[in-house]
Amino acid sequence: MAAQRKYPDELRERATRLAVEARQDPGSRMGAVKRIADQLGVHPEALRTWVKQVEVDAGVAPGTTTSEAAKMAELERENRELRRANSILKSAASFFAAELDRPSR
């Protein structure tokens, strides 16, 4: 079960859009994230993180995109499950090999 988000998605999208637009204007670039965060009641670091991720997803900034991160998480889950299955199969194989090596009565 996913953790409950502190900020609603609508607020997050609006704040991010406003910050990205403000950062594009050279006159209002300085302190735009903090100013918008204060106006909307959002923590400035949260807004800064959202803006950075939007810029990464848009290809403006370097980093791992949201879709790449989701794909990596899915592959890591699959890898864990496969390792678990292999571990179970190895222990079962060693158990049955030991049973076959036992002398019969």
PDB file of N, CA and C in Angstrom:
ATOM      1  N   MET A   1       0.842  -1.174   0.000  1.00  0.00           N
ATOM      2  CA  MET A   1       0.000   0.000   0.000  1.00  0.00           C
ATOM      3  C   MET A   1       0.891   1.242   0.000  1.00  0.00           C
ATOM      4  N   ALA A   2       0.604   2.168  -0.872  1.00  0.00           N
ATOM      5  CA  ALA A   2       1.415   3.379  -1.000  1.00  0.00           C
ATOM      6  C   ALA A   2       1.105   4.351   0.142  1.00  0.00           C
ATOM      7  N   ALA A   3       2.114   5.124   0.478  1.00  0.00           N
ATOM      8  CA  ALA A   3       1.945   6.121   1.531  1.00  0.00           C
ATOM      9  C   ALA A   3       1.065   7.264   1.025  1.00  0.00           C
ATOM     10  N   GLN A   4       0.315   7.839   1.932  1.00  0.00           N
ATOM     11  CA  GLN A   4      -0.547   8.956   1.565  1.00  0.00           C
ATOM     12  C   GLN A   4       0.314  10.186   1.284  1.00  0.00           C
ATOM     13  N   ARG A   5      -0.011  10.896   0.227  1.00  0.00           N
ATOM     14  CA  ARG A   5       0.754  12.085  -0.139  1.00  0.00           C
ATOM     15  C   ARG A   5       0.314  13.268   0.706  1.00  0.00           C
ATOM     16  N   LYS A   6       1.299  14.094   1.025  1.00  0.00           N
ATOM     17  CA  LYS A   6       1.013  15.267   1.851  1.00  0.00           C
ATOM     18  C   LYS A   6       0.276  16.338   1.056  1.00  0.00           C
ATOM     19  N   TYR A   7       0.615  16.468  -0.230  1.00  0.00           N
ATOM     20  CA  TYR A   7       0.010  17.494  -1.064  1.00  0.00           C
ATOM     21  C   TYR A   7      -0.836  16.830  -2.154  1.00  0.00           C
ATOM     22  N   PRO A   8      -2.022  17.370  -2.427  1.00  0.00           N
ATOM     23  CA  PRO A   8      -2.854  16.815  -3.502  1.00  0.00           C
ATOM     24  C   PRO A   8      -2.172  16.983  -4.869  1.00  0.00           C
ATOM     25  N   ASP A   9      -2.501  16.092  -5.784  1.00  0.00           N
ATOM     26  CA  ASP A   9      -1.895  16.129  -7.116  1.00  0.00           C
ATOM     27  C   ASP A   9      -2.175  17.445  -7.843  1.00  0.00           C
ATOM     28  N   GLU A  10      -3.379  18.001  -7.656  1.00  0.00           N
ATOM     29  CA  GLU A  10      -3.733  19.250  -8.338  1.00  0.00           C
ATOM     30  C   GLU A  10      -2.822  20.386  -7.870  1.00  0.00           C
ATOM     31  N   LEU A  11      -2.588  20.458  -6.555  1.00  0.00           N
ATOM     32  CA  LEU A  11      -1.705  21.492  -6.007  1.00  0.00           C
ATOM     33  C   LEU A  11      -0.281  21.289  -6.512  1.00  0.00           C
ATOM     34  N   ARG A  12       0.149  20.060  -6.532  1.00  0.00           N
ATOM     35  CA  ARG A  12       1.497  19.738  -7.000  1.00  0.00           C
ATOM     36  C   ARG A  12       1.690  20.166  -8.457  1.00  0.00           C
ATOM     37  N   GLU A  13       0.721  19.833  -9.307  1.00  0.00           N
ATOM     38  CA  GLU A  13       0.808  20.198 -10.724  1.00  0.00           C
ATOM     39  C   GLU A  13       0.780  21.710 -10.917  1.00  0.00           C
ATOM     40  N   ARG A  14      -0.105  22.382 -10.192  1.00  0.00           N
ATOM     41  CA  ARG A  14      -0.224  23.844 -10.321  1.00  0.00           C
ATOM     42  C   ARG A  14       1.053  24.532  -9.859  1.00  0.00           C
ATOM     43  N   ALA A  15       1.560  24.124  -8.699  1.00  0.00           N
ATOM     44  CA  ALA A  15       2.774  24.736  -8.163  1.00  0.00           C
ATOM     45  C   ALA A  15       3.957  24.509  -9.105  1.00  0.00           C
ATOM     46  N   THR A  16       4.053  23.307  -9.619  1.00  0.00           N
ATOM     47  CA  THR A  16       5.158  22.987 -10.532  1.00  0.00           C
ATOM     48  C   THR A  16       5.064  23.813 -11.805  1.00  0.00           C
ATOM     49  N   ARG A  17       3.862  23.913 -12.367  1.00  0.00           N
ATOM     50  CA  ARG A  17       3.677  24.695 -13.593  1.00  0.00           C
ATOM     51  C   ARG A  17       4.032  26.166 -13.373  1.00  0.00           C
ATOM     52  N   LEU A  18       3.557  26.717 -12.245  1.00  0.00           N
ATOM     53  CA  LEU A  18       3.862  28.118 -11.941  1.00  0.00           C
ATOM     54  C   LEU A  18       5.371  28.339 -11.763  1.00  0.00           C
ATOM     55  N   ALA A  19       6.033  27.421 -11.079  1.00  0.00           N
ATOM     56  CA  ALA A  19       7.472  27.568 -10.840  1.00  0.00           C
ATOM     57  C   ALA A  19       8.268  27.449 -12.129  1.00  0.00           C
ATOM     58  N   VAL A  20       7.890  26.503 -12.980  1.00  0.00           N
ATOM     59  CA  VAL A  20       8.598  26.340 -14.266  1.00  0.00           C
ATOM     60  C   VAL A  20       8.425  27.586 -15.120  1.00  0.00           C
ATOM     61  N   GLU A  21       7.200  28.132 -15.166  1.00  0.00           N
ATOM     62  CA  GLU A  21       6.953  29.348 -15.947  1.00  0.00           C
ATOM     63  C   GLU A  21       7.724  30.529 -15.374  1.00  0.00           C
ATOM     64  N   ALA A  22       7.751  30.658 -14.050  1.00  0.00           N
ATOM     65  CA  ALA A  22       8.456  31.778 -13.421  1.00  0.00           C
ATOM     66  C   ALA A  22       9.962  31.677 -13.648  1.00  0.00           C
ATOM     67  N   ARG A  23      10.478  30.470 -13.679  1.00  0.00           N
ATOM     68  CA  ARG A  23      11.927  30.293 -13.884  1.00  0.00           C
ATOM     69  C   ARG A  23      12.340  30.587 -15.325  1.00  0.00           C
ATOM     70  N   GLN A  24      11.403  30.541 -16.245  1.00  0.00           N
ATOM     71  CA  GLN A  24      11.724  30.852 -17.638  1.00  0.00           C
ATOM     72  C   GLN A  24      11.843  32.353 -17.860  1.00  0.00           C
ATOM     73  N   ASP A  25      11.214  33.139 -17.016  1.00  0.00           N
ATOM     74  CA  ASP A  25      11.265  34.601 -17.124  1.00  0.00           C
ATOM     75  C   ASP A  25      12.496  35.107 -16.364  1.00  0.00           C
ATOM     76  N   PRO A  26      13.458  35.715 -17.073  1.00  0.00           N
ATOM     77  CA  PRO A  26      14.685  36.161 -16.404  1.00  0.00           C
ATOM     78  C   PRO A  26      14.437  37.151 -15.275  1.00  0.00           C
ATOM     79  N   GLY A  27      13.391  37.937 -15.364  1.00  0.00           N
ATOM     80  CA  GLY A  27      13.099  38.938 -14.334  1.00  0.00           C
ATOM     81  C   GLY A  27      12.619  38.339 -13.025  1.00  0.00           C
ATOM     82  N   SER A  28      11.967  37.195 -13.092  1.00  0.00           N
ATOM     83  CA  SER A  28      11.423  36.604 -11.866  1.00  0.00           C
ATOM     84  C   SER A  28      12.084  35.275 -11.513  1.00  0.00           C
ATOM     85  N   ARG A  29      13.191  34.976 -12.157  1.00  0.00           N
ATOM     86  CA  ARG A  29      13.867  33.691 -11.948  1.00  0.00           C
ATOM     87  C   ARG A  29      14.401  33.540 -10.529  1.00  0.00           C
ATOM     88  N   MET A  30      15.045  34.573 -10.012  1.00  0.00           N
ATOM     89  CA  MET A  30      15.654  34.497  -8.685  1.00  0.00           C
ATOM     90  C   MET A  30      14.573  34.338  -7.608  1.00  0.00           C
ATOM     91  N   GLY A  31      14.658  33.285  -6.839  1.00  0.00           N
ATOM     92  CA  GLY A  31      13.738  33.058  -5.738  1.00  0.00           C
ATOM     93  C   GLY A  31      12.343  32.648  -6.144  1.00  0.00           C
ATOM     94  N   ALA A  32      12.165  32.254  -7.388  1.00  0.00           N
ATOM     95  CA  ALA A  32      10.822  31.910  -7.871  1.00  0.00           C
ATOM     96  C   ALA A  32      10.250  30.715  -7.125  1.00  0.00           C
ATOM     97  N   VAL A  33      11.044  29.694  -6.921  1.00  0.00           N
ATOM     98  CA  VAL A  33      10.543  28.488  -6.270  1.00  0.00           C
ATOM     99  C   VAL A  33      10.116  28.790  -4.841  1.00  0.00           C
ATOM    100  N   LYS A  34      10.945  29.500  -4.107  1.00  0.00           N
ATOM    101  CA  LYS A  34      10.616  29.822  -2.708  1.00  0.00           C
ATOM    102  C   LYS A  34       9.387  30.719  -2.633  1.00  0.00           C
ATOM    103  N   ARG A  35       9.326  31.695  -3.507  1.00  0.00           N
ATOM    104  CA  ARG A  35       8.200  32.637  -3.500  1.00  0.00           C
ATOM    105  C   ARG A  35       6.878  31.899  -3.786  1.00  0.00           C
ATOM    106  N   ILE A  36       6.881  31.058  -4.793  1.00  0.00           N
ATOM    107  CA  ILE A  36       5.657  30.326  -5.156  1.00  0.00           C
ATOM    108  C   ILE A  36       5.303  29.313  -4.068  1.00  0.00           C
ATOM    109  N   ALA A  37       6.312  28.661  -3.512  1.00  0.00           N
ATOM    110  CA  ALA A  37       6.065  27.697  -2.433  1.00  0.00           C
ATOM    111  C   ALA A  37       5.416  28.386  -1.235  1.00  0.00           C
ATOM    112  N   ASP A  38       5.921  29.547  -0.875  1.00  0.00           N
ATOM    113  CA  ASP A  38       5.352  30.289   0.250  1.00  0.00           C
ATOM    114  C   ASP A  38       3.911  30.711  -0.036  1.00  0.00           C
ATOM    115  N   GLN A  39       3.640  31.146  -1.268  1.00  0.00           N
ATOM    116  CA  GLN A  39       2.301  31.589  -1.633  1.00  0.00           C
ATOM    117  C   GLN A  39       1.286  30.449  -1.588  1.00  0.00           C
ATOM    118  N   LEU A  40       1.726  29.239  -1.961  1.00  0.00           N
ATOM    119  CA  LEU A  40       0.801  28.109  -2.038  1.00  0.00           C
ATOM    120  C   LEU A  40       0.833  27.216  -0.796  1.00  0.00           C
ATOM    121  N   GLY A  41       1.703  27.524   0.154  1.00  0.00           N
ATOM    122  CA  GLY A  41       1.774  26.725   1.372  1.00  0.00           C
ATOM    123  C   GLY A  41       2.447  25.378   1.186  1.00  0.00           C
ATOM    124  N   VAL A  42       3.419  25.345   0.278  1.00  0.00           N
ATOM    125  CA  VAL A  42       4.172  24.126  -0.014  1.00  0.00           C
ATOM    126  C   VAL A  42       5.592  24.325   0.487  1.00  0.00           C
ATOM    127  N   HIS A  43       6.192  23.258   0.976  1.00  0.00           N
ATOM    128  CA  HIS A  43       7.583  23.361   1.422  1.00  0.00           C
ATOM    129  C   HIS A  43       8.466  23.641   0.195  1.00  0.00           C
ATOM    130  N   PRO A  44       9.370  24.613   0.282  1.00  0.00           N
ATOM    131  CA  PRO A  44      10.199  24.975  -0.878  1.00  0.00           C
ATOM    132  C   PRO A  44      11.026  23.819  -1.440  1.00  0.00           C
ATOM    133  N   GLU A  45      11.542  22.956  -0.564  1.00  0.00           N
ATOM    134  CA  GLU A  45      12.341  21.833  -1.072  1.00  0.00           C
ATOM    135  C   GLU A  45      11.484  20.823  -1.815  1.00  0.00           C
ATOM    136  N   ALA A  46      10.237  20.649  -1.377  1.00  0.00           N
ATOM    137  CA  ALA A  46       9.329  19.755  -2.096  1.00  0.00           C
ATOM    138  C   ALA A  46       9.083  20.301  -3.498  1.00  0.00           C
ATOM    139  N   LEU A  47       8.790  21.586  -3.590  1.00  0.00           N
ATOM    140  CA  LEU A  47       8.551  22.202  -4.897  1.00  0.00           C
ATOM    141  C   LEU A  47       9.802  22.148  -5.766  1.00  0.00           C
ATOM    142  N   ARG A  48      10.949  22.404  -5.174  1.00  0.00           N
ATOM    143  CA  ARG A  48      12.211  22.352  -5.926  1.00  0.00           C
ATOM    144  C   ARG A  48      12.431  20.947  -6.510  1.00  0.00           C
ATOM    145  N   THR A  49      12.119  19.922  -5.728  1.00  0.00           N
ATOM    146  CA  THR A  49      12.254  18.534  -6.186  1.00  0.00           C
ATOM    147  C   THR A  49      11.287  18.241  -7.326  1.00  0.00           C
ATOM    148  N   TRP A  50      10.042  18.715  -7.198  1.00  0.00           N
ATOM    149  CA  TRP A  50       9.058  18.497  -8.256  1.00  0.00           C
ATOM    150  C   TRP A  50       9.493  19.166  -9.554  1.00  0.00           C
ATOM    151  N   VAL A  51       9.983  20.406  -9.440  1.00  0.00           N
ATOM    152  CA  VAL A  51      10.420  21.151 -10.628  1.00  0.00           C
ATOM    153  C   VAL A  51      11.592  20.435 -11.290  1.00  0.00           C
ATOM    154  N   LYS A  52      12.521  19.981 -10.486  1.00  0.00           N
ATOM    155  CA  LYS A  52      13.689  19.271 -11.036  1.00  0.00           C
ATOM    156  C   LYS A  52      13.239  18.023 -11.787  1.00  0.00           C
ATOM    157  N   GLN A  53      12.291  17.253 -11.211  1.00  0.00           N
ATOM    158  CA  GLN A  53      11.826  16.039 -11.879  1.00  0.00           C
ATOM    159  C   GLN A  53      11.093  16.359 -13.178  1.00  0.00           C
ATOM    160  N   VAL A  54      10.317  17.445 -13.190  1.00  0.00           N
ATOM    161  CA  VAL A  54       9.628  17.854 -14.425  1.00  0.00           C
ATOM    162  C   VAL A  54      10.655  18.218 -15.497  1.00  0.00           C
ATOM    163  N   GLU A  55      11.712  18.915 -15.102  1.00  0.00           N
ATOM    164  CA  GLU A  55      12.755  19.287 -16.053  1.00  0.00           C
ATOM    165  C   GLU A  55      13.500  18.063 -16.570  1.00  0.00           C
ATOM    166  N   VAL A  56      13.733  17.084 -15.718  1.00  0.00           N
ATOM    167  CA  VAL A  56      14.387  15.839 -16.147  1.00  0.00           C
ATOM    168  C   VAL A  56      13.479  15.096 -17.123  1.00  0.00           C
ATOM    169  N   ASP A  57      12.187  14.985 -16.781  1.00  0.00           N
ATOM    170  CA  ASP A  57      11.240  14.296 -17.659  1.00  0.00           C
ATOM    171  C   ASP A  57      11.108  14.981 -19.012  1.00  0.00           C
ATOM    172  N   ALA A  58      11.253  16.310 -19.038  1.00  0.00           N
ATOM    173  CA  ALA A  58      11.148  17.070 -20.287  1.00  0.00           C
ATOM    174  C   ALA A  58      12.443  17.014 -21.095  1.00  0.00           C
ATOM    175  N   GLY A  59      13.517  16.498 -20.499  1.00  0.00           N
ATOM    176  CA  GLY A  59      14.791  16.422 -21.204  1.00  0.00           C
ATOM    177  C   GLY A  59      15.620  17.688 -21.084  1.00  0.00           C
ATOM    178  N   VAL A  60      15.174  18.614 -20.249  1.00  0.00           N
ATOM    179  CA  VAL A  60      15.890  19.876 -20.071  1.00  0.00           C
ATOM    180  C   VAL A  60      17.095  19.689 -19.150  1.00  0.00           C
ATOM    181  N   ALA A  61      16.941  18.836 -18.138  1.00  0.00           N
ATOM    182  CA  ALA A  61      18.011  18.596 -17.165  1.00  0.00           C
ATOM    183  C   ALA A  61      18.414  17.120 -17.215  1.00  0.00           C
ATOM    184  N   PRO A  62      19.678  16.826 -16.884  1.00  0.00           N
ATOM    185  CA  PRO A  62      20.107  15.429 -16.880  1.00  0.00           C
ATOM    186  C   PRO A  62      19.553  14.701 -15.656  1.00  0.00           C
ATOM    187  N   GLY A  63      19.345  13.396 -15.799  1.00  0.00           N
ATOM    188  CA  GLY A  63      18.871  12.596 -14.674  1.00  0.00           C
ATOM    189  C   GLY A  63      18.005  11.456 -15.145  1.00  0.00           C
ATOM    190  N   THR A  64      17.479  10.713 -14.188  1.00  0.00           N
ATOM    191  CA  THR A  64      16.634   9.561 -14.476  1.00  0.00           C
ATOM    192  C   THR A  64      15.182  10.010 -14.565  1.00  0.00           C
ATOM    193  N   THR A  65      14.549   9.738 -15.695  1.00  0.00           N
ATOM    194  CA  THR A  65      13.153  10.140 -15.871  1.00  0.00           C
ATOM    195  C   THR A  65      12.241   9.268 -15.017  1.00  0.00           C
ATOM    196  N   THR A  66      11.020   9.721 -14.843  1.00  0.00           N
ATOM    197  CA  THR A  66      10.038   8.993 -14.046  1.00  0.00           C
ATOM    198  C   THR A  66       9.770   7.617 -14.648  1.00  0.00           C
ATOM    199  N   SER A  67       9.644   7.552 -15.966  1.00  0.00           N
ATOM    200  CA  SER A  67       9.367   6.265 -16.607  1.00  0.00           C
ATOM    201  C   SER A  67      10.564   5.315 -16.469  1.00  0.00           C
ATOM    202  N   GLU A  68      11.776   5.841 -16.572  1.00  0.00           N
ATOM    203  CA  GLU A  68      12.963   5.001 -16.384  1.00  0.00           C
ATOM    204  C   GLU A  68      13.037   4.477 -14.955  1.00  0.00           C
ATOM    205  N   ALA A  69      12.708   5.321 -13.984  1.00  0.00           N
ATOM    206  CA  ALA A  69      12.740   4.910 -12.581  1.00  0.00           C
ATOM    207  C   ALA A  69      11.689   3.833 -12.315  1.00  0.00           C
ATOM    208  N   ALA A  70      10.513   3.981 -12.908  1.00  0.00           N
ATOM    209  CA  ALA A  70       9.463   2.974 -12.732  1.00  0.00           C
ATOM    210  C   ALA A  70       9.886   1.649 -13.357  1.00  0.00           C
ATOM    211  N   LYS A  71      10.500   1.710 -14.535  1.00  0.00           N
ATOM    212  CA  LYS A  71      10.968   0.501 -15.216  1.00  0.00           C
ATOM    213  C   LYS A  71      12.055  -0.194 -14.386  1.00  0.00           C
ATOM    214  N   MET A  72      12.981   0.600 -13.831  1.00  0.00           N
ATOM    215  CA  MET A  72      14.040   0.028 -12.997  1.00  0.00           C
ATOM    216  C   MET A  72      13.463  -0.628 -11.751  1.00  0.00           C
ATOM    217  N   ALA A  73      12.483   0.012 -11.133  1.00  0.00           N
ATOM    218  CA  ALA A  73      11.855  -0.558  -9.936  1.00  0.00           C
ATOM    219  C   ALA A  73      11.159  -1.872 -10.262  1.00  0.00           C
ATOM    220  N   GLU A  74      10.483  -1.924 -11.400  1.00  0.00           N
ATOM    221  CA  GLU A  74       9.812  -3.154 -11.823  1.00  0.00           C
ATOM    222  C   GLU A  74      10.836  -4.265 -12.084  1.00  0.00           C
ATOM    223  N   LEU A  75      11.929  -3.938 -12.745  1.00  0.00           N
ATOM    224  CA  LEU A  75      12.968  -4.929 -13.004  1.00  0.00           C
ATOM    225  C   LEU A  75      13.623  -5.413 -11.716  1.00  0.00           C
ATOM    226  N   GLU A  76      13.814  -4.514 -10.756  1.00  0.00           N
ATOM    227  CA  GLU A  76      14.380  -4.918  -9.462  1.00  0.00           C
ATOM    228  C   GLU A  76      13.438  -5.841  -8.710  1.00  0.00           C
ATOM    229  N   ARG A  77      12.121  -5.569  -8.758  1.00  0.00           N
ATOM    230  CA  ARG A  77      11.137  -6.461  -8.129  1.00  0.00           C
ATOM    231  C   ARG A  77      11.175  -7.843  -8.780  1.00  0.00           C
ATOM    232  N   GLU A  78      11.206  -7.849 -10.114  1.00  0.00           N
ATOM    233  CA  GLU A  78      11.258  -9.111 -10.848  1.00  0.00           C
ATOM    234  C   GLU A  78      12.536  -9.877 -10.510  1.00  0.00           C
ATOM    235  N   ASN A  79      13.653  -9.171 -10.425  1.00  0.00           N
ATOM    236  CA  ASN A  79      14.932  -9.786 -10.096  1.00  0.00           C
ATOM    237  C   ASN A  79      14.879 -10.415  -8.697  1.00  0.00           C
ATOM    238  N   ARG A  80      14.308  -9.687  -7.714  1.00  0.00           N
ATOM    239  CA  ARG A  80      14.165 -10.230  -6.356  1.00  0.00           C
ATOM    240  C   ARG A  80      13.335 -11.499  -6.353  1.00  0.00           C
ATOM    241  N   GLU A  81      12.228 -11.486  -7.093  1.00  0.00           N
ATOM    242  CA  GLU A  81      11.350 -12.649  -7.148  1.00  0.00           C
ATOM    243  C   GLU A  81      12.057 -13.832  -7.798  1.00  0.00           C
ATOM    244  N   LEU A  82      12.810 -13.585  -8.853  1.00  0.00           N
ATOM    245  CA  LEU A  82      13.545 -14.668  -9.517  1.00  0.00           C
ATOM    246  C   LEU A  82      14.633 -15.230  -8.614  1.00  0.00           C
ATOM    247  N   ARG A  83      15.331 -14.362  -7.884  1.00  0.00           N
ATOM    248  CA  ARG A  83      16.348 -14.844  -6.934  1.00  0.00           C
ATOM    249  C   ARG A  83      15.706 -15.696  -5.845  1.00  0.00           C
ATOM    250  N   ARG A  84      14.540 -15.280  -5.377  1.00  0.00           N
ATOM    251  CA  ARG A  84      13.816 -16.040  -4.350  1.00  0.00           C
ATOM    252  C   ARG A  84      13.408 -17.403  -4.900  1.00  0.00           C
ATOM    253  N   ALA A  85      12.876 -17.419  -6.116  1.00  0.00           N
ATOM    254  CA  ALA A  85      12.473 -18.687  -6.733  1.00  0.00           C
ATOM    255  C   ALA A  85      13.681 -19.603  -6.923  1.00  0.00           C
ATOM    256  N   ASN A  86      14.805 -19.040  -7.367  1.00  0.00           N
ATOM    257  CA  ASN A  86      16.019 -19.845  -7.540  1.00  0.00           C
ATOM    258  C   ASN A  86      16.487 -20.423  -6.219  1.00  0.00           C
ATOM    259  N   SER A  87      16.410 -19.641  -5.170  1.00  0.00           N
ATOM    260  CA  SER A  87      16.815 -20.105  -3.846  1.00  0.00           C
ATOM    261  C   SER A  87      15.942 -21.279  -3.400  1.00  0.00           C
ATOM    262  N   ILE A  88      14.647 -21.164  -3.613  1.00  0.00           N
ATOM    263  CA  ILE A  88      13.720 -22.246  -3.250  1.00  0.00           C
ATOM    264  C   ILE A  88      14.037 -23.494  -4.062  1.00  0.00           C
ATOM    265  N   LEU A  89      14.262 -23.324  -5.355  1.00  0.00           N
ATOM    266  CA  LEU A  89      14.566 -24.477  -6.209  1.00  0.00           C
ATOM    267  C   LEU A  89      15.883 -25.138  -5.829  1.00  0.00           C
ATOM    268  N   LYS A  90      16.888 -24.334  -5.472  1.00  0.00           N
ATOM    269  CA  LYS A  90      18.178 -24.905  -5.054  1.00  0.00           C
ATOM    270  C   LYS A  90      18.037 -25.708  -3.773  1.00  0.00           C
ATOM    271  N   SER A  91      17.293 -25.170  -2.808  1.00  0.00           N
ATOM    272  CA  SER A  91      17.132 -25.901  -1.550  1.00  0.00           C
ATOM    273  C   SER A  91      16.309 -27.170  -1.764  1.00  0.00           C
ATOM    274  N   ALA A  92      15.311 -27.121  -2.634  1.00  0.00           N
ATOM    275  CA  ALA A  92      14.526 -28.320  -2.939  1.00  0.00           C
ATOM    276  C   ALA A  92      15.389 -29.356  -3.649  1.00  0.00           C
ATOM    277  N   ALA A  93      16.211 -28.906  -4.580  1.00  0.00           N
ATOM    278  CA  ALA A  93      17.082 -29.836  -5.303  1.00  0.00           C
ATOM    279  C   ALA A  93      18.076 -30.496  -4.356  1.00  0.00           C
ATOM    280  N   SER A  94      18.656 -29.727  -3.440  1.00  0.00           N
ATOM    281  CA  SER A  94      19.622 -30.325  -2.506  1.00  0.00           C
ATOM    282  C   SER A  94      18.914 -31.281  -1.550  1.00  0.00           C
ATOM    283  N   PHE A  95      17.675 -30.971  -1.160  1.00  0.00           N
ATOM    284  CA  PHE A  95      16.921 -31.872  -0.293  1.00  0.00           C
ATOM    285  C   PHE A  95      16.669 -33.199  -0.991  1.00  0.00           C
ATOM    286  N   PHE A  96      16.201 -33.133  -2.241  1.00  0.00           N
ATOM    287  CA  PHE A  96      15.896 -34.374  -2.956  1.00  0.00           C
ATOM    288  C   PHE A  96      17.163 -35.127  -3.340  1.00  0.00           C
ATOM    289  N   ALA A  97      18.242 -34.436  -3.582  1.00  0.00           N
ATOM    290  CA  ALA A  97      19.519 -35.107  -3.861  1.00  0.00           C
ATOM    291  C   ALA A  97      19.987 -35.862  -2.625  1.00  0.00           C
ATOM    292  N   ALA A  98      19.815 -35.277  -1.445  1.00  0.00           N
ATOM    293  CA  ALA A  98      20.185 -35.943  -0.197  1.00  0.00           C
ATOM    294  C   ALA A  98      19.294 -37.161   0.038  1.00  0.00           C
ATOM    295  N   GLU A  99      18.028 -37.062  -0.312  1.00  0.00           N
ATOM    296  CA  GLU A  99      17.111 -38.199  -0.169  1.00  0.00           C
ATOM    297  C   GLU A  99      17.519 -39.341  -1.085  1.00  0.00           C
ATOM    298  N   LEU A 100      17.967 -39.037  -2.274  1.00  0.00           N
ATOM    299  CA  LEU A 100      18.370 -40.086  -3.218  1.00  0.00           C
ATOM    300  C   LEU A 100      19.685 -40.738  -2.806  1.00  0.00           C
ATOM    301  N   ASP A 101      20.549 -40.000  -2.133  1.00  0.00           N
ATOM    302  CA  ASP A 101      21.835 -40.535  -1.710  1.00  0.00           C
ATOM    303  C   ASP A 101      21.734 -41.421  -0.477  1.00  0.00           C
ATOM    304  N   ARG A 102      20.640 -41.354   0.260  1.00  0.00           N
ATOM    305  CA  ARG A 102      20.447 -42.163   1.452  1.00  0.00           C
ATOM    306  C   ARG A 102      20.272 -43.627   1.085  1.00  0.00           C
ATOM    307  N   PRO A 103      20.892 -44.488   1.853  1.00  0.00           N
ATOM    308  CA  PRO A 103      20.689 -45.919   1.573  1.00  0.00           C
ATOM    309  C   PRO A 103      19.248 -46.323   1.925  1.00  0.00           C
ATOM    310  N   SER A 104      18.679 -47.178   1.132  1.00  0.00           N
ATOM    311  CA  SER A 104      17.306 -47.603   1.390  1.00  0.00           C
ATOM    312  C   SER A 104      17.283 -48.712   2.423  1.00  0.00           C
ATOM    313  N   ARG A 105      16.221 -48.840   3.167  1.00  0.00           N
ATOM    314  CA  ARG A 105      16.121 -49.837   4.246  1.00  0.00           C
ATOM    315  C   ARG A 105      15.387 -51.039   3.810  1.00  0.00           C
TER     316      ARG A 105
END
